[in-house]
Amino acid sequence: MIQIKEGVKILVSTEPIDARKSIDSLSCLIPDKFCDNPQSGNLFIFFNKARDKVKILYWDNTGFILHYKRLEKHRFVVPKLSGLTHLEITGGQLYGLLAGLDFMLMRQFTEINYSKYL
């Protein structure tokens, strides 16, 4: 499981990539697709065209780490947003995405304040 540090952005590419791309090729895509530095420590998420493979790339101060997951029977749910090359998601949405859920439907629960009922 990926441990997400506070302040780290999780950025998802909405455009498919060639799943054969390695760390070097993916890191070269980051400035154009995400307008970010590959060594920022942020998580960059890429999908293949068939949406059955996902690659997560990030820098951990000593080198790049690449996580790779392939779904055997289903497809990852990736939104098709016109005009956007990427979007930012939360840690909870990332875990839903990796489980094969529609992460766009997932959101943070609002805080419940019971002080008004006392």
PDB file of N, CA and C in Angstrom:
ATOM      1  N   MET A   1       0.844  -1.180   0.000  1.00  0.00           N
ATOM      2  CA  MET A   1       0.000   0.000   0.000  1.00  0.00           C
ATOM      3  C   MET A   1       0.888   1.241   0.000  1.00  0.00           C
ATOM      4  N   ILE A   2       0.508   2.228  -0.745  1.00  0.00           N
ATOM      5  CA  ILE A   2       1.253   3.474  -0.843  1.00  0.00           C
ATOM      6  C   ILE A   2       0.917   4.344   0.366  1.00  0.00           C
ATOM      7  N   GLN A   3       1.942   4.833   1.047  1.00  0.00           N
ATOM      8  CA  GLN A   3       1.762   5.762   2.157  1.00  0.00           C
ATOM      9  C   GLN A   3       1.865   7.179   1.604  1.00  0.00           C
ATOM     10  N   ILE A   4       0.808   7.963   1.790  1.00  0.00           N
ATOM     11  CA  ILE A   4       0.770   9.309   1.241  1.00  0.00           C
ATOM     12  C   ILE A   4       1.080  10.306   2.350  1.00  0.00           C
ATOM     13  N   LYS A   5       2.141  11.059   2.165  1.00  0.00           N
ATOM     14  CA  LYS A   5       2.536  12.075   3.142  1.00  0.00           C
ATOM     15  C   LYS A   5       1.645  13.302   3.003  1.00  0.00           C
ATOM     16  N   GLU A   6       1.528  14.040   4.092  1.00  0.00           N
ATOM     17  CA  GLU A   6       0.723  15.257   4.085  1.00  0.00           C
ATOM     18  C   GLU A   6       1.344  16.272   3.126  1.00  0.00           C
ATOM     19  N   GLY A   7       0.508  16.931   2.359  1.00  0.00           N
ATOM     20  CA  GLY A   7       0.963  17.934   1.414  1.00  0.00           C
ATOM     21  C   GLY A   7       1.301  17.404   0.037  1.00  0.00           C
ATOM     22  N   VAL A   8       1.265  16.088  -0.136  1.00  0.00           N
ATOM     23  CA  VAL A   8       1.571  15.488  -1.437  1.00  0.00           C
ATOM     24  C   VAL A   8       0.320  15.522  -2.309  1.00  0.00           C
ATOM     25  N   LYS A   9       0.478  15.986  -3.532  1.00  0.00           N
ATOM     26  CA  LYS A   9      -0.628  15.993  -4.485  1.00  0.00           C
ATOM     27  C   LYS A   9      -0.665  14.652  -5.210  1.00  0.00           C
ATOM     28  N   ILE A  10      -1.873  14.219  -5.542  1.00  0.00           N
ATOM     29  CA  ILE A  10      -2.066  12.998  -6.319  1.00  0.00           C
ATOM     30  C   ILE A  10      -2.696  13.421  -7.633  1.00  0.00           C
ATOM     31  N   LEU A  11      -1.935  13.336  -8.714  1.00  0.00           N
ATOM     32  CA  LEU A  11      -2.364  13.842 -10.013  1.00  0.00           C
ATOM     33  C   LEU A  11      -2.581  12.685 -10.987  1.00  0.00           C
ATOM     34  N   VAL A  12      -3.751  12.682 -11.624  1.00  0.00           N
ATOM     35  CA  VAL A  12      -4.146  11.610 -12.534  1.00  0.00           C
ATOM     36  C   VAL A  12      -4.199  12.147 -13.957  1.00  0.00           C
ATOM     37  N   SER A  13      -3.513  11.478 -14.866  1.00  0.00           N
ATOM     38  CA  SER A  13      -3.586  11.839 -16.277  1.00  0.00           C
ATOM     39  C   SER A  13      -4.908  11.320 -16.840  1.00  0.00           C
ATOM     40  N   THR A  14      -5.623  12.163 -17.555  1.00  0.00           N
ATOM     41  CA  THR A  14      -6.891  11.743 -18.161  1.00  0.00           C
ATOM     42  C   THR A  14      -6.682  11.208 -19.573  1.00  0.00           C
ATOM     43  N   GLU A  15      -5.448  11.298 -20.059  1.00  0.00           N
ATOM     44  CA  GLU A  15      -5.127  10.791 -21.395  1.00  0.00           C
ATOM     45  C   GLU A  15      -4.321   9.498 -21.262  1.00  0.00           C
ATOM     46  N   PRO A  16      -4.615   8.491 -22.081  1.00  0.00           N
ATOM     47  CA  PRO A  16      -3.885   7.216 -21.973  1.00  0.00           C
ATOM     48  C   PRO A  16      -2.435   7.339 -22.427  1.00  0.00           C
ATOM     49  N   ILE A  17      -1.610   6.417 -21.915  1.00  0.00           N
ATOM     50  CA  ILE A  17      -0.203   6.342 -22.317  1.00  0.00           C
ATOM     51  C   ILE A  17       0.091   4.934 -22.819  1.00  0.00           C
ATOM     52  N   ASP A  18       1.223   4.775 -23.418  1.00  0.00           N
ATOM     53  CA  ASP A  18       1.715   3.458 -23.815  1.00  0.00           C
ATOM     54  C   ASP A  18       2.187   2.760 -22.543  1.00  0.00           C
ATOM     55  N   ALA A  19       1.600   1.628 -22.196  1.00  0.00           N
ATOM     56  CA  ALA A  19       1.904   0.930 -20.946  1.00  0.00           C
ATOM     57  C   ALA A  19       3.325   0.389 -20.906  1.00  0.00           C
ATOM     58  N   ARG A  20       4.026   0.404 -22.015  1.00  0.00           N
ATOM     59  CA  ARG A  20       5.404  -0.074 -22.034  1.00  0.00           C
ATOM     60  C   ARG A  20       6.397   0.980 -21.552  1.00  0.00           C
ATOM     61  N   LYS A  21       5.928   2.186 -21.324  1.00  0.00           N
ATOM     62  CA  LYS A  21       6.824   3.269 -20.882  1.00  0.00           C
ATOM     63  C   LYS A  21       7.423   2.941 -19.520  1.00  0.00           C
ATOM     64  N   SER A  22       8.694   3.285 -19.388  1.00  0.00           N
ATOM     65  CA  SER A  22       9.423   3.018 -18.148  1.00  0.00           C
ATOM     66  C   SER A  22       9.506   4.301 -17.311  1.00  0.00           C
ATOM     67  N   ILE A  23      10.265   4.241 -16.247  1.00  0.00           N
ATOM     68  CA  ILE A  23      10.424   5.388 -15.352  1.00  0.00           C
ATOM     69  C   ILE A  23      10.926   6.620 -16.103  1.00  0.00           C
ATOM     70  N   ASP A  24      11.949   6.467 -16.908  1.00  0.00           N
ATOM     71  CA  ASP A  24      12.521   7.608 -17.619  1.00  0.00           C
ATOM     72  C   ASP A  24      11.516   8.236 -18.580  1.00  0.00           C
ATOM     73  N   SER A  25      10.796   7.416 -19.329  1.00  0.00           N
ATOM     74  CA  SER A  25       9.812   7.925 -20.287  1.00  0.00           C
ATOM     75  C   SER A  25       8.653   8.614 -19.567  1.00  0.00           C
ATOM     76  N   LEU A  26       8.187   8.023 -18.477  1.00  0.00           N
ATOM     77  CA  LEU A  26       7.082   8.626 -17.733  1.00  0.00           C
ATOM     78  C   LEU A  26       7.505   9.946 -17.087  1.00  0.00           C
ATOM     79  N   SER A  27       8.711   9.989 -16.542  1.00  0.00           N
ATOM     80  CA  SER A  27       9.165  11.226 -15.898  1.00  0.00           C
ATOM     81  C   SER A  27       9.296  12.369 -16.911  1.00  0.00           C
ATOM     82  N   CYS A  28       9.581  12.039 -18.168  1.00  0.00           N
ATOM     83  CA  CYS A  28       9.660  13.066 -19.216  1.00  0.00           C
ATOM     84  C   CYS A  28       8.282  13.618 -19.574  1.00  0.00           C
ATOM     85  N   LEU A  29       7.224  12.857 -19.327  1.00  0.00           N
ATOM     86  CA  LEU A  29       5.860  13.309 -19.632  1.00  0.00           C
ATOM     87  C   LEU A  29       5.316  14.279 -18.583  1.00  0.00           C
ATOM     88  N   ILE A  30       5.844  14.223 -17.384  1.00  0.00           N
ATOM     89  CA  ILE A  30       5.283  14.983 -16.259  1.00  0.00           C
ATOM     90  C   ILE A  30       5.277  16.498 -16.479  1.00  0.00           C
ATOM     91  N   PRO A  31       6.352  17.134 -16.937  1.00  0.00           N
ATOM     92  CA  PRO A  31       6.293  18.589 -17.134  1.00  0.00           C
ATOM     93  C   PRO A  31       5.204  19.025 -18.115  1.00  0.00           C
ATOM     94  N   ASP A  32       4.978  18.245 -19.169  1.00  0.00           N
ATOM     95  CA  ASP A  32       3.964  18.615 -20.161  1.00  0.00           C
ATOM     96  C   ASP A  32       2.546  18.302 -19.703  1.00  0.00           C
ATOM     97  N   LYS A  33       2.323  17.102 -19.175  1.00  0.00           N
ATOM     98  CA  LYS A  33       0.970  16.676 -18.794  1.00  0.00           C
ATOM     99  C   LYS A  33       0.483  17.316 -17.496  1.00  0.00           C
ATOM    100  N   PHE A  34       1.392  17.497 -16.538  1.00  0.00           N
ATOM    101  CA  PHE A  34       0.988  17.952 -15.207  1.00  0.00           C
ATOM    102  C   PHE A  34       1.518  19.343 -14.841  1.00  0.00           C
ATOM    103  N   CYS A  35       2.380  19.912 -15.676  1.00  0.00           N
ATOM    104  CA  CYS A  35       3.020  21.204 -15.369  1.00  0.00           C
ATOM    105  C   CYS A  35       3.667  21.164 -13.990  1.00  0.00           C
ATOM    106  N   ASP A  36       4.394  20.098 -13.723  1.00  0.00           N
ATOM    107  CA  ASP A  36       5.002  19.886 -12.418  1.00  0.00           C
ATOM    108  C   ASP A  36       6.399  19.305 -12.597  1.00  0.00           C
ATOM    109  N   ASN A  37       7.171  19.366 -11.542  1.00  0.00           N
ATOM    110  CA  ASN A  37       8.514  18.811 -11.526  1.00  0.00           C
ATOM    111  C   ASN A  37       8.429  17.331 -11.165  1.00  0.00           C
ATOM    112  N   PRO A  38       9.036  16.428 -11.931  1.00  0.00           N
ATOM    113  CA  PRO A  38       8.988  14.997 -11.605  1.00  0.00           C
ATOM    114  C   PRO A  38       9.548  14.672 -10.224  1.00  0.00           C
ATOM    115  N   GLN A  39      10.449  15.509  -9.710  1.00  0.00           N
ATOM    116  CA  GLN A  39      11.060  15.266  -8.409  1.00  0.00           C
ATOM    117  C   GLN A  39      10.370  16.039  -7.285  1.00  0.00           C
ATOM    118  N   SER A  40       9.137  16.437  -7.495  1.00  0.00           N
ATOM    119  CA  SER A  40       8.396  17.211  -6.490  1.00  0.00           C
ATOM    120  C   SER A  40       7.924  16.363  -5.313  1.00  0.00           C
ATOM    121  N   GLY A  41       7.891  15.049  -5.482  1.00  0.00           N
ATOM    122  CA  GLY A  41       7.368  14.172  -4.438  1.00  0.00           C
ATOM    123  C   GLY A  41       5.892  13.873  -4.615  1.00  0.00           C
ATOM    124  N   ASN A  42       5.245  14.535  -5.574  1.00  0.00           N
ATOM    125  CA  ASN A  42       3.844  14.266  -5.865  1.00  0.00           C
ATOM    126  C   ASN A  42       3.696  12.924  -6.568  1.00  0.00           C
ATOM    127  N   LEU A  43       2.509  12.330  -6.484  1.00  0.00           N
ATOM    128  CA  LEU A  43       2.221  11.064  -7.151  1.00  0.00           C
ATOM    129  C   LEU A  43       1.601  11.360  -8.513  1.00  0.00           C
ATOM    130  N   PHE A  44       2.137  10.737  -9.541  1.00  0.00           N
ATOM    131  CA  PHE A  44       1.648  10.929 -10.910  1.00  0.00           C
ATOM    132  C   PHE A  44       1.109   9.599 -11.406  1.00  0.00           C
ATOM    133  N   ILE A  45      -0.157   9.596 -11.824  1.00  0.00           N
ATOM    134  CA  ILE A  45      -0.849   8.361 -12.179  1.00  0.00           C
ATOM    135  C   ILE A  45      -1.160   8.350 -13.673  1.00  0.00           C
ATOM    136  N   PHE A  46      -0.810   7.230 -14.306  1.00  0.00           N
ATOM    137  CA  PHE A  46      -1.004   7.050 -15.741  1.00  0.00           C
ATOM    138  C   PHE A  46      -1.762   5.746 -16.004  1.00  0.00           C
ATOM    139  N   PHE A  47      -2.620   5.757 -17.041  1.00  0.00           N
ATOM    140  CA  PHE A  47      -3.370   4.570 -17.462  1.00  0.00           C
ATOM    141  C   PHE A  47      -3.020   4.237 -18.902  1.00  0.00           C
ATOM    142  N   ASN A  48      -3.189   2.956 -19.244  1.00  0.00           N
ATOM    143  CA  ASN A  48      -3.037   2.575 -20.647  1.00  0.00           C
ATOM    144  C   ASN A  48      -4.374   2.787 -21.369  1.00  0.00           C
ATOM    145  N   LYS A  49      -4.374   2.620 -22.668  1.00  0.00           N
ATOM    146  CA  LYS A  49      -5.577   2.863 -23.467  1.00  0.00           C
ATOM    147  C   LYS A  49      -6.722   1.915 -23.096  1.00  0.00           C
ATOM    148  N   ALA A  50      -6.417   0.669 -22.807  1.00  0.00           N
ATOM    149  CA  ALA A  50      -7.449  -0.312 -22.444  1.00  0.00           C
ATOM    150  C   ALA A  50      -7.947  -0.123 -21.007  1.00  0.00           C
ATOM    151  N   ARG A  51      -7.274   0.717 -20.232  1.00  0.00           N
ATOM    152  CA  ARG A  51      -7.630   1.027 -18.842  1.00  0.00           C
ATOM    153  C   ARG A  51      -7.594  -0.200 -17.927  1.00  0.00           C
ATOM    154  N   ASP A  52      -6.762  -1.174 -18.253  1.00  0.00           N
ATOM    155  CA  ASP A  52      -6.613  -2.321 -17.351  1.00  0.00           C
ATOM    156  C   ASP A  52      -5.267  -2.290 -16.626  1.00  0.00           C
ATOM    157  N   LYS A  53      -4.452  -1.280 -16.924  1.00  0.00           N
ATOM    158  CA  LYS A  53      -3.152  -1.123 -16.276  1.00  0.00           C
ATOM    159  C   LYS A  53      -2.998   0.313 -15.780  1.00  0.00           C
ATOM    160  N   VAL A  54      -2.394   0.442 -14.604  1.00  0.00           N
ATOM    161  CA  VAL A  54      -2.123   1.765 -14.046  1.00  0.00           C
ATOM    162  C   VAL A  54      -0.683   1.790 -13.545  1.00  0.00           C
ATOM    163  N   LYS A  55      -0.017   2.918 -13.741  1.00  0.00           N
ATOM    164  CA  LYS A  55       1.336   3.130 -13.248  1.00  0.00           C
ATOM    165  C   LYS A  55       1.337   4.404 -12.412  1.00  0.00           C
ATOM    166  N   ILE A  56       1.958   4.311 -11.243  1.00  0.00           N
ATOM    167  CA  ILE A  56       2.079   5.455 -10.347  1.00  0.00           C
ATOM    168  C   ILE A  56       3.566   5.721 -10.166  1.00  0.00           C
ATOM    169  N   LEU A  57       3.972   6.937 -10.467  1.00  0.00           N
ATOM    170  CA  LEU A  57       5.377   7.320 -10.380  1.00  0.00           C
ATOM    171  C   LEU A  57       5.540   8.439  -9.370  1.00  0.00           C
ATOM    172  N   TYR A  58       6.553   8.309  -8.507  1.00  0.00           N
ATOM    173  CA  TYR A  58       6.877   9.416  -7.611  1.00  0.00           C
ATOM    174  C   TYR A  58       8.336   9.345  -7.191  1.00  0.00           C
ATOM    175  N   TRP A  59       8.820  10.463  -6.674  1.00  0.00           N
ATOM    176  CA  TRP A  59      10.206  10.622  -6.229  1.00  0.00           C
ATOM    177  C   TRP A  59      10.232  10.576  -4.713  1.00  0.00           C
ATOM    178  N   ASP A  60      11.171   9.799  -4.138  1.00  0.00           N
ATOM    179  CA  ASP A  60      11.241   9.681  -2.674  1.00  0.00           C
ATOM    180  C   ASP A  60      12.545  10.222  -2.093  1.00  0.00           C
ATOM    181  N   ASN A  61      13.146  11.196  -2.708  1.00  0.00           N
ATOM    182  CA  ASN A  61      14.386  11.865  -2.284  1.00  0.00           C
ATOM    183  C   ASN A  61      15.655  11.091  -2.630  1.00  0.00           C
ATOM    184  N   THR A  62      15.565   9.819  -2.967  1.00  0.00           N
ATOM    185  CA  THR A  62      16.756   9.070  -3.378  1.00  0.00           C
ATOM    186  C   THR A  62      16.604   8.482  -4.778  1.00  0.00           C
ATOM    187  N   GLY A  63      15.403   8.499  -5.304  1.00  0.00           N
ATOM    188  CA  GLY A  63      15.166   7.953  -6.636  1.00  0.00           C
ATOM    189  C   GLY A  63      13.677   7.826  -6.915  1.00  0.00           C
ATOM    190  N   PHE A  64      13.357   7.456  -8.143  1.00  0.00           N
ATOM    191  CA  PHE A  64      11.960   7.274  -8.533  1.00  0.00           C
ATOM    192  C   PHE A  64      11.456   5.914  -8.088  1.00  0.00           C
ATOM    193  N   ILE A  65      10.184   5.868  -7.739  1.00  0.00           N
ATOM    194  CA  ILE A  65       9.493   4.615  -7.415  1.00  0.00           C
ATOM    195  C   ILE A  65       8.341   4.473  -8.400  1.00  0.00           C
ATOM    196  N   LEU A  66       8.199   3.287  -8.956  1.00  0.00           N
ATOM    197  CA  LEU A  66       7.131   3.008  -9.908  1.00  0.00           C
ATOM    198  C   LEU A  66       6.269   1.876  -9.365  1.00  0.00           C
ATOM    199  N   HIS A  67       4.986   2.165  -9.160  1.00  0.00           N
ATOM    200  CA  HIS A  67       4.016   1.143  -8.774  1.00  0.00           C
ATOM    201  C   HIS A  67       3.227   0.798 -10.032  1.00  0.00           C
ATOM    202  N   TYR A  68       2.939  -0.479 -10.198  1.00  0.00           N
ATOM    203  CA  TYR A  68       2.238  -0.955 -11.399  1.00  0.00           C
ATOM    204  C   TYR A  68       1.151  -1.929 -10.957  1.00  0.00           C
ATOM    205  N   LYS A  69      -0.049  -1.748 -11.497  1.00  0.00           N
ATOM    206  CA  LYS A  69      -1.129  -2.689 -11.201  1.00  0.00           C
ATOM    207  C   LYS A  69      -1.870  -3.010 -12.484  1.00  0.00           C
ATOM    208  N   ARG A  70      -2.225  -4.303 -12.632  1.00  0.00           N
ATOM    209  CA  ARG A  70      -3.011  -4.759 -13.777  1.00  0.00           C
ATOM    210  C   ARG A  70      -4.254  -5.450 -13.234  1.00  0.00           C
ATOM    211  N   LEU A  71      -5.423  -5.024 -13.709  1.00  0.00           N
ATOM    212  CA  LEU A  71      -6.663  -5.699 -13.346  1.00  0.00           C
ATOM    213  C   LEU A  71      -6.865  -6.882 -14.278  1.00  0.00           C
ATOM    214  N   GLU A  72      -7.255  -7.995 -13.737  1.00  0.00           N
ATOM    215  CA  GLU A  72      -7.415  -9.211 -14.530  1.00  0.00           C
ATOM    216  C   GLU A  72      -8.739  -9.285 -15.285  1.00  0.00           C
ATOM    217  N   LYS A  73      -9.824  -8.801 -14.671  1.00  0.00           N
ATOM    218  CA  LYS A  73     -11.129  -8.976 -15.325  1.00  0.00           C
ATOM    219  C   LYS A  73     -11.844  -7.672 -15.648  1.00  0.00           C
ATOM    220  N   HIS A  74     -11.540  -6.607 -14.968  1.00  0.00           N
ATOM    221  CA  HIS A  74     -12.294  -5.368 -15.123  1.00  0.00           C
ATOM    222  C   HIS A  74     -11.395  -4.262 -15.653  1.00  0.00           C
ATOM    223  N   ARG A  75     -11.938  -3.056 -15.706  1.00  0.00           N
ATOM    224  CA  ARG A  75     -11.215  -1.879 -16.183  1.00  0.00           C
ATOM    225  C   ARG A  75     -11.252  -0.806 -15.105  1.00  0.00           C
ATOM    226  N   PHE A  76     -10.187  -0.003 -15.060  1.00  0.00           N
ATOM    227  CA  PHE A  76     -10.185   1.155 -14.180  1.00  0.00           C
ATOM    228  C   PHE A  76     -11.144   2.193 -14.741  1.00  0.00           C
ATOM    229  N   VAL A  77     -11.832   2.880 -13.859  1.00  0.00           N
ATOM    230  CA  VAL A  77     -12.757   3.929 -14.280  1.00  0.00           C
ATOM    231  C   VAL A  77     -11.974   5.234 -14.345  1.00  0.00           C
ATOM    232  N   VAL A  78     -11.811   5.755 -15.557  1.00  0.00           N
ATOM    233  CA  VAL A  78     -11.064   6.992 -15.772  1.00  0.00           C
ATOM    234  C   VAL A  78     -12.003   7.990 -16.435  1.00  0.00           C
ATOM    235  N   PRO A  79     -12.190   9.153 -15.826  1.00  0.00           N
ATOM    236  CA  PRO A  79     -13.109  10.129 -16.419  1.00  0.00           C
ATOM    237  C   PRO A  79     -12.543  10.708 -17.710  1.00  0.00           C
ATOM    238  N   LYS A  80     -13.435  11.003 -18.628  1.00  0.00           N
ATOM    239  CA  LYS A  80     -13.041  11.673 -19.863  1.00  0.00           C
ATOM    240  C   LYS A  80     -13.507  13.119 -19.741  1.00  0.00           C
ATOM    241  N   LEU A  81     -12.592  13.983 -19.376  1.00  0.00           N
ATOM    242  CA  LEU A  81     -12.896  15.383 -19.154  1.00  0.00           C
ATOM    243  C   LEU A  81     -12.320  16.198 -20.304  1.00  0.00           C
ATOM    244  N   SER A  82     -13.176  16.818 -21.064  1.00  0.00           N
ATOM    245  CA  SER A  82     -12.704  17.573 -22.220  1.00  0.00           C
ATOM    246  C   SER A  82     -11.925  18.801 -21.758  1.00  0.00           C
ATOM    247  N   GLY A  83     -10.799  19.000 -22.376  1.00  0.00           N
ATOM    248  CA  GLY A  83      -9.983  20.170 -22.080  1.00  0.00           C
ATOM    249  C   GLY A  83      -9.006  19.991 -20.933  1.00  0.00           C
ATOM    250  N   LEU A  84      -9.144  18.951 -20.134  1.00  0.00           N
ATOM    251  CA  LEU A  84      -8.232  18.731 -19.012  1.00  0.00           C
ATOM    252  C   LEU A  84      -7.295  17.567 -19.310  1.00  0.00           C
ATOM    253  N   THR A  85      -6.004  17.772 -19.084  1.00  0.00           N
ATOM    254  CA  THR A  85      -5.032  16.701 -19.277  1.00  0.00           C
ATOM    255  C   THR A  85      -4.831  15.900 -18.001  1.00  0.00           C
ATOM    256  N   HIS A  86      -5.224  16.497 -16.861  1.00  0.00           N
ATOM    257  CA  HIS A  86      -5.064  15.804 -15.575  1.00  0.00           C
ATOM    258  C   HIS A  86      -6.052  16.358 -14.548  1.00  0.00           C
ATOM    259  N   LEU A  87      -6.179  15.634 -13.459  1.00  0.00           N
ATOM    260  CA  LEU A  87      -6.981  16.115 -12.336  1.00  0.00           C
ATOM    261  C   LEU A  87      -6.332  15.668 -11.041  1.00  0.00           C
ATOM    262  N   GLU A  88      -6.661  16.372  -9.968  1.00  0.00           N
ATOM    263  CA  GLU A  88      -6.096  16.056  -8.656  1.00  0.00           C
ATOM    264  C   GLU A  88      -7.141  15.319  -7.839  1.00  0.00           C
ATOM    265  N   ILE A  89      -6.722  14.243  -7.161  1.00  0.00           N
ATOM    266  CA  ILE A  89      -7.640  13.457  -6.350  1.00  0.00           C
ATOM    267  C   ILE A  89      -7.103  13.360  -4.917  1.00  0.00           C
ATOM    268  N   THR A  90      -7.937  12.835  -4.027  1.00  0.00           N
ATOM    269  CA  THR A  90      -7.561  12.662  -2.623  1.00  0.00           C
ATOM    270  C   THR A  90      -6.974  11.270  -2.410  1.00  0.00           C
ATOM    271  N   GLY A  91      -6.424  11.060  -1.219  1.00  0.00           N
ATOM    272  CA  GLY A  91      -5.887   9.746  -0.876  1.00  0.00           C
ATOM    273  C   GLY A  91      -6.957   8.676  -0.882  1.00  0.00           C
ATOM    274  N   GLY A  92      -8.141   8.990  -0.373  1.00  0.00           N
ATOM    275  CA  GLY A  92      -9.252   8.041  -0.378  1.00  0.00           C
ATOM    276  C   GLY A  92      -9.670   7.671  -1.789  1.00  0.00           C
ATOM    277  N   GLN A  93      -9.674   8.658  -2.677  1.00  0.00           N
ATOM    278  CA  GLN A  93     -10.012   8.392  -4.069  1.00  0.00           C
ATOM    279  C   GLN A  93      -8.948   7.508  -4.724  1.00  0.00           C
ATOM    280  N   LEU A  94      -7.689   7.701  -4.352  1.00  0.00           N
ATOM    281  CA  LEU A  94      -6.619   6.854  -4.896  1.00  0.00           C
ATOM    282  C   LEU A  94      -6.836   5.403  -4.506  1.00  0.00           C
ATOM    283  N   TYR A  95      -7.159   5.150  -3.247  1.00  0.00           N
ATOM    284  CA  TYR A  95      -7.382   3.772  -2.806  1.00  0.00           C
ATOM    285  C   TYR A  95      -8.601   3.170  -3.507  1.00  0.00           C
ATOM    286  N   GLY A  96      -9.633   3.966  -3.745  1.00  0.00           N
ATOM    287  CA  GLY A  96     -10.789   3.499  -4.505  1.00  0.00           C
ATOM    288  C   GLY A  96     -10.430   3.200  -5.947  1.00  0.00           C
ATOM    289  N   LEU A  97      -9.634   4.073  -6.540  1.00  0.00           N
ATOM    290  CA  LEU A  97      -9.189   3.871  -7.919  1.00  0.00           C
ATOM    291  C   LEU A  97      -8.431   2.560  -8.044  1.00  0.00           C
ATOM    292  N   LEU A  98      -7.493   2.300  -7.130  1.00  0.00           N
ATOM    293  CA  LEU A  98      -6.703   1.073  -7.192  1.00  0.00           C
ATOM    294  C   LEU A  98      -7.539  -0.174  -6.947  1.00  0.00           C
ATOM    295  N   ALA A  99      -8.685  -0.010  -6.263  1.00  0.00           N
ATOM    296  CA  ALA A  99      -9.591  -1.136  -6.045  1.00  0.00           C
ATOM    297  C   ALA A  99     -10.513  -1.356  -7.244  1.00  0.00           C
ATOM    298  N   GLY A 100     -10.441  -0.465  -8.233  1.00  0.00           N
ATOM    299  CA  GLY A 100     -11.281  -0.595  -9.422  1.00  0.00           C
ATOM    300  C   GLY A 100     -12.610   0.115  -9.310  1.00  0.00           C
ATOM    301  N   LEU A 101     -12.765   0.970  -8.295  1.00  0.00           N
ATOM    302  CA  LEU A 101     -14.017   1.702  -8.090  1.00  0.00           C
ATOM    303  C   LEU A 101     -14.004   3.014  -8.885  1.00  0.00           C
ATOM    304  N   ASP A 102     -15.179   3.603  -9.046  1.00  0.00           N
ATOM    305  CA  ASP A 102     -15.289   4.900  -9.702  1.00  0.00           C
ATOM    306  C   ASP A 102     -14.890   5.965  -8.686  1.00  0.00           C
ATOM    307  N   PHE A 103     -13.645   6.397  -8.721  1.00  0.00           N
ATOM    308  CA  PHE A 103     -13.133   7.310  -7.712  1.00  0.00           C
ATOM    309  C   PHE A 103     -13.758   8.698  -7.800  1.00  0.00           C
ATOM    310  N   MET A 104     -14.369   9.042  -8.921  1.00  0.00           N
ATOM    311  CA  MET A 104     -15.021  10.348  -9.041  1.00  0.00           C
ATOM    312  C   MET A 104     -16.261  10.434  -8.149  1.00  0.00           C
ATOM    313  N   LEU A 105     -16.859   9.285  -7.805  1.00  0.00           N
ATOM    314  CA  LEU A 105     -18.033   9.279  -6.933  1.00  0.00           C
ATOM    315  C   LEU A 105     -17.649   9.331  -5.459  1.00  0.00           C
ATOM    316  N   MET A 106     -16.373   9.087  -5.179  1.00  0.00           N
ATOM    317  CA  MET A 106     -15.915   9.065  -3.792  1.00  0.00           C
ATOM    318  C   MET A 106     -15.538  10.480  -3.367  1.00  0.00           C
ATOM    319  N   ARG A 107     -15.893  10.844  -2.161  1.00  0.00           N
ATOM    320  CA  ARG A 107     -15.540  12.152  -1.635  1.00  0.00           C
ATOM    321  C   ARG A 107     -15.342  12.041  -0.135  1.00  0.00           C
ATOM    322  N   GLN A 108     -14.789  13.066   0.449  1.00  0.00           N
ATOM    323  CA  GLN A 108     -14.582  13.088   1.886  1.00  0.00           C
ATOM    324  C   GLN A 108     -15.928  13.304   2.576  1.00  0.00           C
ATOM    325  N   PHE A 109     -16.127  12.617   3.689  1.00  0.00           N
ATOM    326  CA  PHE A 109     -17.333  12.825   4.462  1.00  0.00           C
ATOM    327  C   PHE A 109     -17.256  14.176   5.163  1.00  0.00           C
ATOM    328  N   THR A 110     -18.386  14.853   5.256  1.00  0.00           N
ATOM    329  CA  THR A 110     -18.416  16.115   5.979  1.00  0.00           C
ATOM    330  C   THR A 110     -18.417  15.833   7.478  1.00  0.00           C
ATOM    331  N   GLU A 111     -17.831  16.733   8.217  1.00  0.00           N
ATOM    332  CA  GLU A 111     -17.752  16.569   9.668  1.00  0.00           C
ATOM    333  C   GLU A 111     -19.127  16.785  10.277  1.00  0.00           C
ATOM    334  N   ILE A 112     -19.499  15.910  11.180  1.00  0.00           N
ATOM    335  CA  ILE A 112     -20.794  16.028  11.855  1.00  0.00           C
ATOM    336  C   ILE A 112     -20.568  16.730  13.185  1.00  0.00           C
ATOM    337  N   ASN A 113     -21.354  17.772  13.422  1.00  0.00           N
ATOM    338  CA  ASN A 113     -21.215  18.545  14.660  1.00  0.00           C
ATOM    339  C   ASN A 113     -22.499  18.384  15.457  1.00  0.00           C
ATOM    340  N   TYR A 114     -22.416  17.683  16.596  1.00  0.00           N
ATOM    341  CA  TYR A 114     -23.576  17.431  17.423  1.00  0.00           C
ATOM    342  C   TYR A 114     -23.800  18.494  18.493  1.00  0.00           C
ATOM    343  N   SER A 115     -23.035  19.539  18.535  1.00  0.00           N
ATOM    344  CA  SER A 115     -23.159  20.537  19.585  1.00  0.00           C
ATOM    345  C   SER A 115     -24.509  21.259  19.555  1.00  0.00           C
ATOM    346  N   LYS A 116     -25.153  21.291  18.430  1.00  0.00           N
ATOM    347  CA  LYS A 116     -26.448  21.963  18.305  1.00  0.00           C
ATOM    348  C   LYS A 116     -27.574  21.149  18.932  1.00  0.00           C
ATOM    349  N   TYR A 117     -27.361  19.880  19.185  1.00  0.00           N
ATOM    350  CA  TYR A 117     -28.413  19.002  19.680  1.00  0.00           C
ATOM    351  C   TYR A 117     -28.344  18.810  21.184  1.00  0.00           C
ATOM    352  N   LEU A 118     -27.403  19.382  21.868  1.00  0.00           N
ATOM    353  CA  LEU A 118     -27.260  19.191  23.304  1.00  0.00           C
ATOM    354  C   LEU A 118     -28.037  20.207  24.110  1.00  0.00           C
TER     355      LEU A 118
END
